[in-house]
Amino acid sequence: MPDFRTCYLHTMKLYEFSMLTDELQYQTTWDLGIPIDNIIYDKINYLLYSINDFYVEIHYDAISNAIIGKLAFKNGEPLDKYLRTLPNL
């Protein structure tokens, strides 16, 4: 039987990701996700991963380092916080 990660490496879509259990969503993010960025805001550490054509944001409590949530999305407002103002060159 093929490995789960191999099957979905190039094909998993946001809908399929959302159908996984929470545990499998986290595991898939860590196994297949490409780390993009992280920010800390209001004592919450936000880690952004890319999986194929969508993003997963994992939320950690910065003090206890415990996972407190996640958000999967394609684009829009959740991505805005990662856009930094670039200096004029």
N, C-alpha and C. Protein backbone atom coordinates (compact mmCIF):
# COMPACT_ATOMS: atom_id res chain seq x y z
N MET A 1 0.85 -1.18 0.00
CA MET A 1 0.00 0.00 0.00
C MET A 1 0.90 1.25 0.00
N PRO A 2 0.63 2.23 -0.84
CA PRO A 2 1.46 3.43 -0.90
C PRO A 2 1.36 4.24 0.40
N ASP A 3 2.44 4.92 0.70
CA ASP A 3 2.50 5.77 1.87
C ASP A 3 1.55 6.96 1.70
N PHE A 4 0.83 7.32 2.75
CA PHE A 4 -0.10 8.45 2.74
C PHE A 4 0.55 9.72 2.21
N ARG A 5 1.77 10.01 2.67
CA ARG A 5 2.45 11.24 2.26
C ARG A 5 2.77 11.22 0.78
N THR A 6 3.14 10.09 0.24
CA THR A 6 3.45 9.98 -1.18
C THR A 6 2.20 10.20 -2.02
N CYS A 7 1.08 9.67 -1.59
CA CYS A 7 -0.16 9.79 -2.35
C CYS A 7 -0.59 11.25 -2.48
N TYR A 8 -0.42 12.01 -1.44
CA TYR A 8 -0.94 13.37 -1.43
C TYR A 8 0.11 14.44 -1.68
N LEU A 9 1.35 14.07 -1.85
CA LEU A 9 2.42 15.05 -1.99
C LEU A 9 2.12 16.07 -3.07
N HIS A 10 1.64 15.65 -4.22
CA HIS A 10 1.42 16.57 -5.32
C HIS A 10 -0.05 16.83 -5.63
N THR A 11 -0.95 16.19 -4.92
CA THR A 11 -2.35 16.27 -5.33
C THR A 11 -3.31 16.81 -4.28
N MET A 12 -2.96 16.84 -3.01
CA MET A 12 -3.92 17.24 -1.98
C MET A 12 -4.41 18.66 -2.19
N LYS A 13 -5.71 18.82 -2.11
CA LYS A 13 -6.36 20.12 -2.22
C LYS A 13 -6.93 20.51 -0.86
N LEU A 14 -7.31 21.75 -0.73
CA LEU A 14 -7.82 22.27 0.54
C LEU A 14 -9.03 21.47 1.01
N TYR A 15 -9.93 21.13 0.10
CA TYR A 15 -11.11 20.36 0.48
C TYR A 15 -10.72 19.02 1.10
N GLU A 16 -9.78 18.32 0.48
CA GLU A 16 -9.33 17.02 1.00
C GLU A 16 -8.66 17.20 2.36
N PHE A 17 -7.86 18.25 2.50
CA PHE A 17 -7.21 18.54 3.78
C PHE A 17 -8.27 18.76 4.86
N SER A 18 -9.31 19.52 4.53
CA SER A 18 -10.34 19.83 5.53
C SER A 18 -11.14 18.60 5.95
N MET A 19 -11.12 17.55 5.15
CA MET A 19 -11.84 16.32 5.48
C MET A 19 -11.05 15.42 6.44
N LEU A 20 -9.78 15.71 6.64
CA LEU A 20 -8.95 14.92 7.55
C LEU A 20 -9.29 15.25 9.00
N THR A 21 -8.99 14.34 9.90
CA THR A 21 -9.14 14.62 11.32
C THR A 21 -8.14 15.71 11.72
N ASP A 22 -8.37 16.36 12.85
CA ASP A 22 -7.42 17.38 13.32
C ASP A 22 -6.01 16.83 13.42
N GLU A 23 -5.89 15.63 13.99
CA GLU A 23 -4.57 15.02 14.16
C GLU A 23 -3.87 14.84 12.82
N LEU A 24 -4.60 14.34 11.81
CA LEU A 24 -4.01 14.15 10.49
C LEU A 24 -3.73 15.49 9.79
N GLN A 25 -4.53 16.51 10.07
CA GLN A 25 -4.25 17.82 9.49
C GLN A 25 -2.91 18.36 10.02
N TYR A 26 -2.70 18.24 11.32
CA TYR A 26 -1.42 18.69 11.88
C TYR A 26 -0.27 17.86 11.31
N GLN A 27 -0.43 16.55 11.28
CA GLN A 27 0.63 15.68 10.78
C GLN A 27 0.93 15.96 9.31
N THR A 28 -0.10 16.16 8.53
CA THR A 28 0.08 16.47 7.11
C THR A 28 0.82 17.79 6.94
N THR A 29 0.47 18.78 7.75
CA THR A 29 1.14 20.08 7.69
C THR A 29 2.63 19.92 7.97
N TRP A 30 2.97 19.16 9.00
CA TRP A 30 4.38 18.99 9.35
C TRP A 30 5.12 18.10 8.34
N ASP A 31 4.42 17.13 7.76
CA ASP A 31 5.07 16.22 6.82
C ASP A 31 5.20 16.81 5.42
N LEU A 32 4.15 17.47 4.94
CA LEU A 32 4.12 17.95 3.56
C LEU A 32 4.29 19.45 3.42
N GLY A 33 4.01 20.18 4.49
CA GLY A 33 4.03 21.64 4.41
C GLY A 33 5.43 22.20 4.27
N ILE A 34 5.52 23.26 3.52
CA ILE A 34 6.78 24.01 3.37
C ILE A 34 6.68 25.23 4.26
N PRO A 35 7.57 25.36 5.26
CA PRO A 35 7.51 26.54 6.14
C PRO A 35 7.75 27.81 5.32
N ILE A 36 6.86 28.76 5.47
CA ILE A 36 6.93 30.02 4.72
C ILE A 36 7.36 31.18 5.61
N ASP A 37 6.72 31.32 6.76
CA ASP A 37 7.00 32.48 7.62
C ASP A 37 6.46 32.20 9.01
N ASN A 38 6.88 33.02 9.94
CA ASN A 38 6.28 32.99 11.27
C ASN A 38 6.31 34.39 11.86
N ILE A 39 5.29 34.68 12.65
CA ILE A 39 5.22 35.97 13.33
C ILE A 39 4.70 35.71 14.74
N ILE A 40 5.03 36.62 15.64
CA ILE A 40 4.48 36.58 16.99
C ILE A 40 3.68 37.86 17.19
N TYR A 41 2.43 37.70 17.59
CA TYR A 41 1.56 38.83 17.82
C TYR A 41 0.70 38.53 19.03
N ASP A 42 0.74 39.43 19.99
CA ASP A 42 -0.10 39.30 21.19
C ASP A 42 0.11 37.95 21.88
N LYS A 43 1.37 37.54 22.01
CA LYS A 43 1.78 36.31 22.69
C LYS A 43 1.33 35.03 21.97
N ILE A 44 0.97 35.17 20.69
CA ILE A 44 0.62 34.00 19.88
C ILE A 44 1.64 33.91 18.75
N ASN A 45 2.21 32.72 18.58
CA ASN A 45 3.16 32.46 17.50
C ASN A 45 2.38 31.85 16.34
N TYR A 46 2.40 32.51 15.18
CA TYR A 46 1.72 32.04 13.99
C TYR A 46 2.76 31.49 13.02
N LEU A 47 2.65 30.22 12.67
CA LEU A 47 3.56 29.60 11.71
C LEU A 47 2.80 29.30 10.44
N LEU A 48 3.31 29.81 9.32
CA LEU A 48 2.63 29.66 8.03
C LEU A 48 3.34 28.60 7.19
N TYR A 49 2.56 27.64 6.70
CA TYR A 49 3.06 26.57 5.84
C TYR A 49 2.31 26.61 4.51
N SER A 50 2.96 26.17 3.46
CA SER A 50 2.32 26.03 2.15
C SER A 50 2.23 24.54 1.83
N ILE A 51 1.03 24.14 1.41
CA ILE A 51 0.81 22.77 0.92
C ILE A 51 0.10 22.90 -0.42
N ASN A 52 0.82 22.58 -1.47
CA ASN A 52 0.28 22.67 -2.84
C ASN A 52 -0.29 24.06 -3.10
N ASP A 53 -1.62 24.18 -3.28
CA ASP A 53 -2.19 25.48 -3.63
C ASP A 53 -2.94 26.15 -2.47
N PHE A 54 -2.61 25.77 -1.23
CA PHE A 54 -3.24 26.42 -0.07
C PHE A 54 -2.23 26.56 1.06
N TYR A 55 -2.63 27.29 2.09
CA TYR A 55 -1.78 27.57 3.24
C TYR A 55 -2.41 27.00 4.50
N VAL A 56 -1.56 26.67 5.46
CA VAL A 56 -2.01 26.27 6.79
C VAL A 56 -1.23 27.11 7.79
N GLU A 57 -1.97 27.73 8.70
CA GLU A 57 -1.37 28.56 9.74
C GLU A 57 -1.59 27.83 11.07
N ILE A 58 -0.50 27.50 11.76
CA ILE A 58 -0.57 26.84 13.06
C ILE A 58 -0.39 27.91 14.13
N HIS A 59 -1.24 27.90 15.15
CA HIS A 59 -1.20 28.88 16.22
C HIS A 59 -0.66 28.24 17.50
N TYR A 60 0.41 28.83 18.04
CA TYR A 60 1.00 28.37 19.29
C TYR A 60 0.90 29.47 20.32
N ASP A 61 0.65 29.07 21.56
CA ASP A 61 0.78 30.01 22.67
C ASP A 61 2.28 30.21 22.88
N ALA A 62 2.77 31.43 22.74
CA ALA A 62 4.21 31.70 22.81
C ALA A 62 4.78 31.43 24.20
N ILE A 63 3.98 31.50 25.22
CA ILE A 63 4.48 31.28 26.58
C ILE A 63 4.57 29.79 26.91
N SER A 64 3.49 29.06 26.66
CA SER A 64 3.48 27.63 26.99
C SER A 64 3.97 26.76 25.84
N ASN A 65 4.09 27.33 24.63
CA ASN A 65 4.49 26.61 23.42
C ASN A 65 3.52 25.48 23.09
N ALA A 66 2.25 25.66 23.47
CA ALA A 66 1.21 24.67 23.19
C ALA A 66 0.43 25.10 21.94
N ILE A 67 0.06 24.14 21.12
CA ILE A 67 -0.78 24.43 19.96
C ILE A 67 -2.17 24.82 20.45
N ILE A 68 -2.66 25.94 19.91
CA ILE A 68 -3.99 26.38 20.33
C ILE A 68 -4.97 26.46 19.15
N GLY A 69 -4.48 26.18 17.94
CA GLY A 69 -5.40 26.19 16.81
C GLY A 69 -4.68 26.15 15.48
N LYS A 70 -5.50 26.17 14.42
CA LYS A 70 -4.97 26.18 13.05
C LYS A 70 -6.01 26.78 12.13
N LEU A 71 -5.54 27.21 10.98
CA LEU A 71 -6.43 27.77 9.97
C LEU A 71 -5.88 27.38 8.61
N ALA A 72 -6.72 26.79 7.77
CA ALA A 72 -6.33 26.44 6.41
C ALA A 72 -7.09 27.37 5.46
N PHE A 73 -6.40 27.92 4.47
CA PHE A 73 -7.02 28.88 3.56
C PHE A 73 -6.23 28.96 2.26
N LYS A 74 -6.83 29.57 1.25
CA LYS A 74 -6.16 29.72 -0.05
C LYS A 74 -5.52 31.09 -0.20
N ASN A 75 -6.20 32.13 0.22
CA ASN A 75 -5.68 33.49 0.08
C ASN A 75 -6.54 34.43 0.91
N GLY A 76 -6.31 35.72 0.75
CA GLY A 76 -7.15 36.70 1.41
C GLY A 76 -6.58 37.23 2.70
N GLU A 77 -7.47 37.70 3.53
CA GLU A 77 -7.10 38.41 4.75
C GLU A 77 -6.15 37.64 5.67
N PRO A 78 -6.30 36.32 5.87
CA PRO A 78 -5.36 35.63 6.76
C PRO A 78 -3.90 35.76 6.31
N LEU A 79 -3.69 35.97 5.03
CA LEU A 79 -2.34 36.09 4.49
C LEU A 79 -1.76 37.49 4.66
N ASP A 80 -2.64 38.47 4.85
CA ASP A 80 -2.22 39.88 4.92
C ASP A 80 -1.20 40.15 6.03
N LYS A 81 -1.33 39.49 7.16
CA LYS A 81 -0.43 39.77 8.28
C LYS A 81 1.03 39.39 7.98
N TYR A 82 1.25 38.57 6.95
CA TYR A 82 2.60 38.17 6.60
C TYR A 82 3.26 39.11 5.58
N LEU A 83 2.48 40.04 5.05
CA LEU A 83 3.01 41.00 4.10
C LEU A 83 3.66 42.14 4.86
N ARG A 84 4.95 42.28 4.67
CA ARG A 84 5.68 43.34 5.36
C ARG A 84 5.89 44.50 4.43
N THR A 85 5.91 45.68 5.01
CA THR A 85 6.19 46.87 4.22
C THR A 85 7.66 46.89 3.87
N LEU A 86 7.95 46.95 2.58
CA LEU A 86 9.34 46.98 2.12
C LEU A 86 9.83 48.42 2.04
N PRO A 87 11.07 48.67 2.41
CA PRO A 87 11.59 50.04 2.30
C PRO A 87 11.70 50.44 0.84
N ASN A 88 11.59 51.73 0.61
CA ASN A 88 11.79 52.24 -0.77
C ASN A 88 13.24 52.04 -1.16
N LEU A 89 13.44 51.43 -2.29
CA LEU A 89 14.81 51.18 -2.77
C LEU A 89 15.21 52.20 -3.80
